[in-house]
Amino acid sequence: GDLLPADGVLIQGNDLKIDESALTGESDHVRKSLEQDPLLLSGTHVMEGSGRMVVTAVGVNSQSGIIFTLLGAAGDEEEGGRDRKGD
């Protein structure tokens, strides 16, 4: 169950299965290969196999970073609204 720290494109893989439930909610493991679905996303876990990838995005530019940024922006708006009501 290694955690992928960055988004990337698979360039070499051996029976690679990824748990993407943290991002998609889908409980089934997703098979990744060069021919089909070579995109690997940060915040997902390697469940079986091995592989190498070329990193395409890290931090706030990754898919999980974008999601957390959007969630944080929504939280800031809610908190700002509460502050205004309390004034």
PDB file of N, CA and C in Angstrom:
ATOM      1  N   GLY A   1       0.771  -1.207   0.000  1.00  0.00           N
ATOM      2  CA  GLY A   1       0.000   0.000   0.000  1.00  0.00           C
ATOM      3  C   GLY A   1       0.811   1.271   0.000  1.00  0.00           C
ATOM      4  N   ASP A   2       1.802   1.391  -0.896  1.00  0.00           N
ATOM      5  CA  ASP A   2       2.560   2.646  -0.982  1.00  0.00           C
ATOM      6  C   ASP A   2       1.666   3.773  -1.479  1.00  0.00           C
ATOM      7  N   LEU A   3       1.783   4.938  -0.842  1.00  0.00           N
ATOM      8  CA  LEU A   3       1.036   6.133  -1.228  1.00  0.00           C
ATOM      9  C   LEU A   3       1.773   6.845  -2.345  1.00  0.00           C
ATOM     10  N   LEU A   4       1.062   7.184  -3.422  1.00  0.00           N
ATOM     11  CA  LEU A   4       1.680   7.941  -4.511  1.00  0.00           C
ATOM     12  C   LEU A   4       1.733   9.415  -4.109  1.00  0.00           C
ATOM     13  N   PRO A   5       2.912  10.014  -4.093  1.00  0.00           N
ATOM     14  CA  PRO A   5       3.054  11.391  -3.636  1.00  0.00           C
ATOM     15  C   PRO A   5       2.825  12.446  -4.714  1.00  0.00           C
ATOM     16  N   ALA A   6       2.678  12.012  -5.978  1.00  0.00           N
ATOM     17  CA  ALA A   6       2.559  12.964  -7.088  1.00  0.00           C
ATOM     18  C   ALA A   6       1.712  12.350  -8.197  1.00  0.00           C
ATOM     19  N   ASP A   7       1.190  13.197  -9.083  1.00  0.00           N
ATOM     20  CA  ASP A   7       0.518  12.721 -10.289  1.00  0.00           C
ATOM     21  C   ASP A   7       1.581  12.342 -11.303  1.00  0.00           C
ATOM     22  N   GLY A   8       1.252  11.377 -12.166  1.00  0.00           N
ATOM     23  CA  GLY A   8       2.220  11.003 -13.182  1.00  0.00           C
ATOM     24  C   GLY A   8       1.630  10.098 -14.241  1.00  0.00           C
ATOM     25  N   VAL A   9       2.478   9.752 -15.204  1.00  0.00           N
ATOM     26  CA  VAL A   9       2.119   8.861 -16.298  1.00  0.00           C
ATOM     27  C   VAL A   9       2.988   7.614 -16.178  1.00  0.00           C
ATOM     28  N   LEU A  10       2.341   6.461 -16.201  1.00  0.00           N
ATOM     29  CA  LEU A  10       3.037   5.187 -16.103  1.00  0.00           C
ATOM     30  C   LEU A  10       3.912   4.970 -17.333  1.00  0.00           C
ATOM     31  N   ILE A  11       5.184   4.644 -17.126  1.00  0.00           N
ATOM     32  CA  ILE A  11       6.073   4.357 -18.253  1.00  0.00           C
ATOM     33  C   ILE A  11       6.553   2.905 -18.240  1.00  0.00           C
ATOM     34  N   GLN A  12       6.400   2.234 -17.093  1.00  0.00           N
ATOM     35  CA  GLN A  12       6.754   0.828 -16.974  1.00  0.00           C
ATOM     36  C   GLN A  12       5.934   0.247 -15.837  1.00  0.00           C
ATOM     37  N   GLY A  13       5.275  -0.886 -16.080  1.00  0.00           N
ATOM     38  CA  GLY A  13       4.457  -1.460 -15.023  1.00  0.00           C
ATOM     39  C   GLY A  13       4.389  -2.965 -15.109  1.00  0.00           C
ATOM     40  N   ASN A  14       4.162  -3.581 -13.941  1.00  0.00           N
ATOM     41  CA  ASN A  14       4.047  -5.023 -13.853  1.00  0.00           C
ATOM     42  C   ASN A  14       2.854  -5.363 -12.967  1.00  0.00           C
ATOM     43  N   ASP A  15       1.729  -5.747 -13.589  1.00  0.00           N
ATOM     44  CA  ASP A  15       0.498  -6.101 -12.862  1.00  0.00           C
ATOM     45  C   ASP A  15       0.136  -5.066 -11.805  1.00  0.00           C
ATOM     46  N   LEU A  16       0.105  -3.812 -12.198  1.00  0.00           N
ATOM     47  CA  LEU A  16      -0.125  -2.704 -11.273  1.00  0.00           C
ATOM     48  C   LEU A  16      -1.616  -2.508 -11.022  1.00  0.00           C
ATOM     49  N   LYS A  17      -1.993  -2.524  -9.741  1.00  0.00           N
ATOM     50  CA  LYS A  17      -3.371  -2.237  -9.337  1.00  0.00           C
ATOM     51  C   LYS A  17      -3.333  -1.131  -8.288  1.00  0.00           C
ATOM     52  N   ILE A  18      -4.194  -0.134  -8.485  1.00  0.00           N
ATOM     53  CA  ILE A  18      -4.212   1.062  -7.653  1.00  0.00           C
ATOM     54  C   ILE A  18      -5.556   1.190  -6.942  1.00  0.00           C
ATOM     55  N   ASP A  19      -5.524   1.591  -5.675  1.00  0.00           N
ATOM     56  CA  ASP A  19      -6.732   1.906  -4.917  1.00  0.00           C
ATOM     57  C   ASP A  19      -6.961   3.407  -5.043  1.00  0.00           C
ATOM     58  N   GLU A  20      -7.951   3.798  -5.845  1.00  0.00           N
ATOM     59  CA  GLU A  20      -8.264   5.211  -6.077  1.00  0.00           C
ATOM     60  C   GLU A  20      -9.459   5.671  -5.245  1.00  0.00           C
ATOM     61  N   SER A  21      -9.844   4.892  -4.235  1.00  0.00           N
ATOM     62  CA  SER A  21     -11.056   5.206  -3.471  1.00  0.00           C
ATOM     63  C   SER A  21     -10.979   6.549  -2.754  1.00  0.00           C
ATOM     64  N   ALA A  22      -9.783   7.009  -2.403  1.00  0.00           N
ATOM     65  CA  ALA A  22      -9.653   8.297  -1.726  1.00  0.00           C
ATOM     66  C   ALA A  22     -10.111   9.448  -2.616  1.00  0.00           C
ATOM     67  N   LEU A  23      -9.967   9.298  -3.929  1.00  0.00           N
ATOM     68  CA  LEU A  23     -10.362  10.366  -4.849  1.00  0.00           C
ATOM     69  C   LEU A  23     -11.707  10.114  -5.517  1.00  0.00           C
ATOM     70  N   THR A  24     -12.005   8.842  -5.822  1.00  0.00           N
ATOM     71  CA  THR A  24     -13.201   8.540  -6.611  1.00  0.00           C
ATOM     72  C   THR A  24     -14.334   7.923  -5.818  1.00  0.00           C
ATOM     73  N   GLY A  25     -14.016   7.329  -4.664  1.00  0.00           N
ATOM     74  CA  GLY A  25     -15.025   6.626  -3.900  1.00  0.00           C
ATOM     75  C   GLY A  25     -15.247   5.207  -4.387  1.00  0.00           C
ATOM     76  N   GLU A  26     -14.625   4.838  -5.491  1.00  0.00           N
ATOM     77  CA  GLU A  26     -14.757   3.500  -6.067  1.00  0.00           C
ATOM     78  C   GLU A  26     -13.925   2.518  -5.245  1.00  0.00           C
ATOM     79  N   SER A  27     -14.558   1.448  -4.757  1.00  0.00           N
ATOM     80  CA  SER A  27     -13.859   0.520  -3.873  1.00  0.00           C
ATOM     81  C   SER A  27     -13.017  -0.514  -4.621  1.00  0.00           C
ATOM     82  N   ASP A  28     -13.296  -0.746  -5.899  1.00  0.00           N
ATOM     83  CA  ASP A  28     -12.518  -1.720  -6.678  1.00  0.00           C
ATOM     84  C   ASP A  28     -11.151  -1.152  -7.028  1.00  0.00           C
ATOM     85  N   HIS A  29     -10.155  -2.027  -7.024  1.00  0.00           N
ATOM     86  CA  HIS A  29      -8.814  -1.610  -7.435  1.00  0.00           C
ATOM     87  C   HIS A  29      -8.783  -1.454  -8.949  1.00  0.00           C
ATOM     88  N   VAL A  30      -8.050  -0.452  -9.427  1.00  0.00           N
ATOM     89  CA  VAL A  30      -8.001  -0.132 -10.849  1.00  0.00           C
ATOM     90  C   VAL A  30      -6.695  -0.654 -11.427  1.00  0.00           C
ATOM     91  N   ARG A  31      -6.803  -1.466 -12.484  1.00  0.00           N
ATOM     92  CA  ARG A  31      -5.610  -1.981 -13.158  1.00  0.00           C
ATOM     93  C   ARG A  31      -5.049  -0.884 -14.059  1.00  0.00           C
ATOM     94  N   LYS A  32      -3.757  -0.640 -13.929  1.00  0.00           N
ATOM     95  CA  LYS A  32      -3.076   0.374 -14.736  1.00  0.00           C
ATOM     96  C   LYS A  32      -2.109  -0.317 -15.686  1.00  0.00           C
ATOM     97  N   SER A  33      -2.040   0.173 -16.916  1.00  0.00           N
ATOM     98  CA  SER A  33      -1.095  -0.361 -17.893  1.00  0.00           C
ATOM     99  C   SER A  33      -0.718   0.746 -18.867  1.00  0.00           C
ATOM    100  N   LEU A  34       0.315   0.496 -19.638  1.00  0.00           N
ATOM    101  CA  LEU A  34       0.746   1.488 -20.632  1.00  0.00           C
ATOM    102  C   LEU A  34      -0.317   1.691 -21.700  1.00  0.00           C
ATOM    103  N   GLU A  35      -1.032   0.632 -22.042  1.00  0.00           N
ATOM    104  CA  GLU A  35      -2.033   0.697 -23.115  1.00  0.00           C
ATOM    105  C   GLU A  35      -3.355   1.281 -22.645  1.00  0.00           C
ATOM    106  N   GLN A  36      -3.754   0.953 -21.416  1.00  0.00           N
ATOM    107  CA  GLN A  36      -5.037   1.417 -20.896  1.00  0.00           C
ATOM    108  C   GLN A  36      -4.829   2.106 -19.556  1.00  0.00           C
ATOM    109  N   ASP A  37      -5.335   3.309 -19.430  1.00  0.00           N
ATOM    110  CA  ASP A  37      -5.339   4.058 -18.169  1.00  0.00           C
ATOM    111  C   ASP A  37      -3.951   4.175 -17.534  1.00  0.00           C
ATOM    112  N   PRO A  38      -3.014   4.868 -18.184  1.00  0.00           N
ATOM    113  CA  PRO A  38      -1.667   5.000 -17.632  1.00  0.00           C
ATOM    114  C   PRO A  38      -1.506   6.148 -16.612  1.00  0.00           C
ATOM    115  N   LEU A  39      -2.586   6.882 -16.315  1.00  0.00           N
ATOM    116  CA  LEU A  39      -2.476   8.025 -15.403  1.00  0.00           C
ATOM    117  C   LEU A  39      -2.535   7.572 -13.951  1.00  0.00           C
ATOM    118  N   LEU A  40      -1.579   8.025 -13.156  1.00  0.00           N
ATOM    119  CA  LEU A  40      -1.513   7.725 -11.731  1.00  0.00           C
ATOM    120  C   LEU A  40      -1.708   9.035 -10.972  1.00  0.00           C
ATOM    121  N   LEU A  41      -2.513   8.987  -9.927  1.00  0.00           N
ATOM    122  CA  LEU A  41      -2.876  10.210  -9.205  1.00  0.00           C
ATOM    123  C   LEU A  41      -2.337  10.198  -7.785  1.00  0.00           C
ATOM    124  N   SER A  42      -1.893  11.352  -7.330  1.00  0.00           N
ATOM    125  CA  SER A  42      -1.397  11.474  -5.955  1.00  0.00           C
ATOM    126  C   SER A  42      -2.529  11.190  -4.980  1.00  0.00           C
ATOM    127  N   GLY A  43      -2.159  10.663  -3.829  1.00  0.00           N
ATOM    128  CA  GLY A  43      -3.148  10.343  -2.819  1.00  0.00           C
ATOM    129  C   GLY A  43      -3.755   8.965  -2.973  1.00  0.00           C
ATOM    130  N   THR A  44      -3.394   8.239  -4.037  1.00  0.00           N
ATOM    131  CA  THR A  44      -3.875   6.876  -4.239  1.00  0.00           C
ATOM    132  C   THR A  44      -2.816   5.893  -3.746  1.00  0.00           C
ATOM    133  N   HIS A  45      -3.218   4.649  -3.561  1.00  0.00           N
ATOM    134  CA  HIS A  45      -2.315   3.639  -3.008  1.00  0.00           C
ATOM    135  C   HIS A  45      -2.066   2.502  -4.005  1.00  0.00           C
ATOM    136  N   VAL A  46      -0.823   2.060  -4.089  1.00  0.00           N
ATOM    137  CA  VAL A  46      -0.466   0.884  -4.886  1.00  0.00           C
ATOM    138  C   VAL A  46      -0.846  -0.342  -4.063  1.00  0.00           C
ATOM    139  N   MET A  47      -1.704  -1.195  -4.615  1.00  0.00           N
ATOM    140  CA  MET A  47      -2.148  -2.379  -3.896  1.00  0.00           C
ATOM    141  C   MET A  47      -1.435  -3.643  -4.376  1.00  0.00           C
ATOM    142  N   GLU A  48      -1.110  -3.705  -5.664  1.00  0.00           N
ATOM    143  CA  GLU A  48      -0.420  -4.868  -6.222  1.00  0.00           C
ATOM    144  C   GLU A  48       0.513  -4.408  -7.317  1.00  0.00           C
ATOM    145  N   GLY A  49       1.553  -5.175  -7.560  1.00  0.00           N
ATOM    146  CA  GLY A  49       2.452  -4.924  -8.663  1.00  0.00           C
ATOM    147  C   GLY A  49       3.459  -3.827  -8.388  1.00  0.00           C
ATOM    148  N   SER A  50       4.087  -3.396  -9.470  1.00  0.00           N
ATOM    149  CA  SER A  50       5.104  -2.351  -9.378  1.00  0.00           C
ATOM    150  C   SER A  50       5.116  -1.554 -10.670  1.00  0.00           C
ATOM    151  N   GLY A  51       5.778  -0.409 -10.638  1.00  0.00           N
ATOM    152  CA  GLY A  51       5.852   0.397 -11.843  1.00  0.00           C
ATOM    153  C   GLY A  51       6.736   1.609 -11.661  1.00  0.00           C
ATOM    154  N   ARG A  52       6.946   2.288 -12.772  1.00  0.00           N
ATOM    155  CA  ARG A  52       7.674   3.554 -12.794  1.00  0.00           C
ATOM    156  C   ARG A  52       6.813   4.567 -13.520  1.00  0.00           C
ATOM    157  N   MET A  53       6.915   5.823 -13.081  1.00  0.00           N
ATOM    158  CA  MET A  53       6.121   6.866 -13.722  1.00  0.00           C
ATOM    159  C   MET A  53       6.960   8.120 -13.901  1.00  0.00           C
ATOM    160  N   VAL A  54       6.517   8.930 -14.843  1.00  0.00           N
ATOM    161  CA  VAL A  54       7.075  10.263 -15.025  1.00  0.00           C
ATOM    162  C   VAL A  54       6.144  11.213 -14.282  1.00  0.00           C
ATOM    163  N   VAL A  55       6.680  11.975 -13.363  1.00  0.00           N
ATOM    164  CA  VAL A  55       5.878  12.898 -12.555  1.00  0.00           C
ATOM    165  C   VAL A  55       5.419  14.064 -13.418  1.00  0.00           C
ATOM    166  N   THR A  56       4.119  14.372 -13.330  1.00  0.00           N
ATOM    167  CA  THR A  56       3.554  15.476 -14.106  1.00  0.00           C
ATOM    168  C   THR A  56       3.086  16.636 -13.232  1.00  0.00           C
ATOM    169  N   ALA A  57       2.786  16.364 -11.952  1.00  0.00           N
ATOM    170  CA  ALA A  57       2.325  17.441 -11.062  1.00  0.00           C
ATOM    171  C   ALA A  57       2.556  17.046  -9.608  1.00  0.00           C
ATOM    172  N   VAL A  58       2.881  18.045  -8.791  1.00  0.00           N
ATOM    173  CA  VAL A  58       3.070  17.831  -7.351  1.00  0.00           C
ATOM    174  C   VAL A  58       2.357  18.926  -6.572  1.00  0.00           C
ATOM    175  N   GLY A  59       2.161  18.683  -5.292  1.00  0.00           N
ATOM    176  CA  GLY A  59       1.599  19.705  -4.403  1.00  0.00           C
ATOM    177  C   GLY A  59       0.241  20.213  -4.840  1.00  0.00           C
ATOM    178  N   VAL A  60       0.060  21.524  -4.810  1.00  0.00           N
ATOM    179  CA  VAL A  60      -1.235  22.126  -5.133  1.00  0.00           C
ATOM    180  C   VAL A  60      -1.605  21.969  -6.608  1.00  0.00           C
ATOM    181  N   ASN A  61      -0.649  21.600  -7.454  1.00  0.00           N
ATOM    182  CA  ASN A  61      -0.939  21.395  -8.870  1.00  0.00           C
ATOM    183  C   ASN A  61      -1.405  19.972  -9.187  1.00  0.00           C
ATOM    184  N   SER A  62      -1.295  19.063  -8.227  1.00  0.00           N
ATOM    185  CA  SER A  62      -1.754  17.685  -8.434  1.00  0.00           C
ATOM    186  C   SER A  62      -3.270  17.622  -8.279  1.00  0.00           C
ATOM    187  N   GLN A  63      -3.864  16.505  -8.679  1.00  0.00           N
ATOM    188  CA  GLN A  63      -5.316  16.369  -8.567  1.00  0.00           C
ATOM    189  C   GLN A  63      -5.773  16.458  -7.119  1.00  0.00           C
ATOM    190  N   SER A  64      -5.080  15.788  -6.208  1.00  0.00           N
ATOM    191  CA  SER A  64      -5.489  15.871  -4.806  1.00  0.00           C
ATOM    192  C   SER A  64      -5.242  17.276  -4.253  1.00  0.00           C
ATOM    193  N   GLY A  65      -4.182  17.942  -4.696  1.00  0.00           N
ATOM    194  CA  GLY A  65      -3.916  19.313  -4.273  1.00  0.00           C
ATOM    195  C   GLY A  65      -5.002  20.272  -4.734  1.00  0.00           C
ATOM    196  N   ILE A  66      -5.474  20.091  -5.952  1.00  0.00           N
ATOM    197  CA  ILE A  66      -6.561  20.924  -6.484  1.00  0.00           C
ATOM    198  C   ILE A  66      -7.827  20.718  -5.666  1.00  0.00           C
ATOM    199  N   ILE A  67      -8.130  19.451  -5.349  1.00  0.00           N
ATOM    200  CA  ILE A  67      -9.328  19.149  -4.555  1.00  0.00           C
ATOM    201  C   ILE A  67      -9.233  19.797  -3.184  1.00  0.00           C
ATOM    202  N   PHE A  68      -8.079  19.636  -2.513  1.00  0.00           N
ATOM    203  CA  PHE A  68      -7.919  20.233  -1.183  1.00  0.00           C
ATOM    204  C   PHE A  68      -7.983  21.752  -1.241  1.00  0.00           C
ATOM    205  N   THR A  69      -7.445  22.348  -2.290  1.00  0.00           N
ATOM    206  CA  THR A  69      -7.517  23.805  -2.442  1.00  0.00           C
ATOM    207  C   THR A  69      -8.966  24.259  -2.582  1.00  0.00           C
ATOM    208  N   LEU A  70      -9.737  23.546  -3.407  1.00  0.00           N
ATOM    209  CA  LEU A  70     -11.147  23.897  -3.577  1.00  0.00           C
ATOM    210  C   LEU A  70     -11.925  23.709  -2.286  1.00  0.00           C
ATOM    211  N   LEU A  71     -11.643  22.631  -1.559  1.00  0.00           N
ATOM    212  CA  LEU A  71     -12.318  22.417  -0.281  1.00  0.00           C
ATOM    213  C   LEU A  71     -11.937  23.498   0.721  1.00  0.00           C
ATOM    214  N   GLY A  72     -10.688  23.903   0.717  1.00  0.00           N
ATOM    215  CA  GLY A  72     -10.230  24.964   1.610  1.00  0.00           C
ATOM    216  C   GLY A  72     -10.878  26.288   1.279  1.00  0.00           C
ATOM    217  N   ALA A  73     -11.053  26.574  -0.016  1.00  0.00           N
ATOM    218  CA  ALA A  73     -11.694  27.820  -0.431  1.00  0.00           C
ATOM    219  C   ALA A  73     -13.141  27.845   0.019  1.00  0.00           C
ATOM    220  N   ALA A  74     -13.825  26.707  -0.063  1.00  0.00           N
ATOM    221  CA  ALA A  74     -15.221  26.639   0.382  1.00  0.00           C
ATOM    222  C   ALA A  74     -15.296  26.842   1.884  1.00  0.00           C
ATOM    223  N   GLY A  75     -14.344  26.251   2.615  1.00  0.00           N
ATOM    224  CA  GLY A  75     -14.317  26.411   4.070  1.00  0.00           C
ATOM    225  C   GLY A  75     -14.057  27.851   4.472  1.00  0.00           C
ATOM    226  N   ASP A  76     -13.187  28.568   3.738  1.00  0.00           N
ATOM    227  CA  ASP A  76     -12.890  29.969   4.036  1.00  0.00           C
ATOM    228  C   ASP A  76     -14.123  30.841   3.846  1.00  0.00           C
ATOM    229  N   GLU A  77     -14.905  30.562   2.799  1.00  0.00           N
ATOM    230  CA  GLU A  77     -16.110  31.348   2.552  1.00  0.00           C
ATOM    231  C   GLU A  77     -17.106  31.158   3.679  1.00  0.00           C
ATOM    232  N   GLU A  78     -17.258  29.900   4.154  1.00  0.00           N
ATOM    233  CA  GLU A  78     -18.188  29.630   5.248  1.00  0.00           C
ATOM    234  C   GLU A  78     -17.732  30.337   6.517  1.00  0.00           C
ATOM    235  N   GLU A  79     -16.439  30.267   6.815  1.00  0.00           N
ATOM    236  CA  GLU A  79     -15.920  30.916   8.013  1.00  0.00           C
ATOM    237  C   GLU A  79     -16.071  32.428   7.910  1.00  0.00           C
ATOM    238  N   GLY A  80     -15.845  32.980   6.720  1.00  0.00           N
ATOM    239  CA  GLY A  80     -15.994  34.418   6.523  1.00  0.00           C
ATOM    240  C   GLY A  80     -17.423  34.854   6.763  1.00  0.00           C
ATOM    241  N   GLY A  81     -18.367  34.019   6.318  1.00  0.00           N
ATOM    242  CA  GLY A  81     -19.769  34.324   6.538  1.00  0.00           C
ATOM    243  C   GLY A  81     -20.125  34.348   8.011  1.00  0.00           C
ATOM    244  N   ARG A  82     -19.552  33.436   8.770  1.00  0.00           N
ATOM    245  CA  ARG A  82     -19.806  33.377  10.212  1.00  0.00           C
ATOM    246  C   ARG A  82     -19.233  34.613  10.898  1.00  0.00           C
ATOM    247  N   ASP A  83     -18.062  35.047  10.450  1.00  0.00           N
ATOM    248  CA  ASP A  83     -17.436  36.218  11.063  1.00  0.00           C
ATOM    249  C   ASP A  83     -18.287  37.461  10.849  1.00  0.00           C
ATOM    250  N   ARG A  84     -18.850  37.592   9.642  1.00  0.00           N
ATOM    251  CA  ARG A  84     -19.668  38.757   9.358  1.00  0.00           C
ATOM    252  C   ARG A  84     -20.934  38.771  10.200  1.00  0.00           C
ATOM    253  N   LYS A  85     -21.521  37.602  10.431  1.00  0.00           N
ATOM    254  CA  LYS A  85     -22.729  37.537  11.245  1.00  0.00           C
ATOM    255  C   LYS A  85     -22.440  37.924  12.687  1.00  0.00           C
ATOM    256  N   GLY A  86     -21.226  37.594  13.150  1.00  0.00           N
ATOM    257  CA  GLY A  86     -20.881  37.864  14.543  1.00  0.00           C
ATOM    258  C   GLY A  86     -20.530  39.329  14.788  1.00  0.00           C
ATOM    259  N   ASP A  87     -20.300  40.103  13.729  1.00  0.00           N
ATOM    260  CA  ASP A  87     -19.911  41.516  13.890  1.00  0.00           C
ATOM    261  C   ASP A  87     -21.072  42.373  14.345  1.00  0.00           C
TER     262      ASP A  87
END
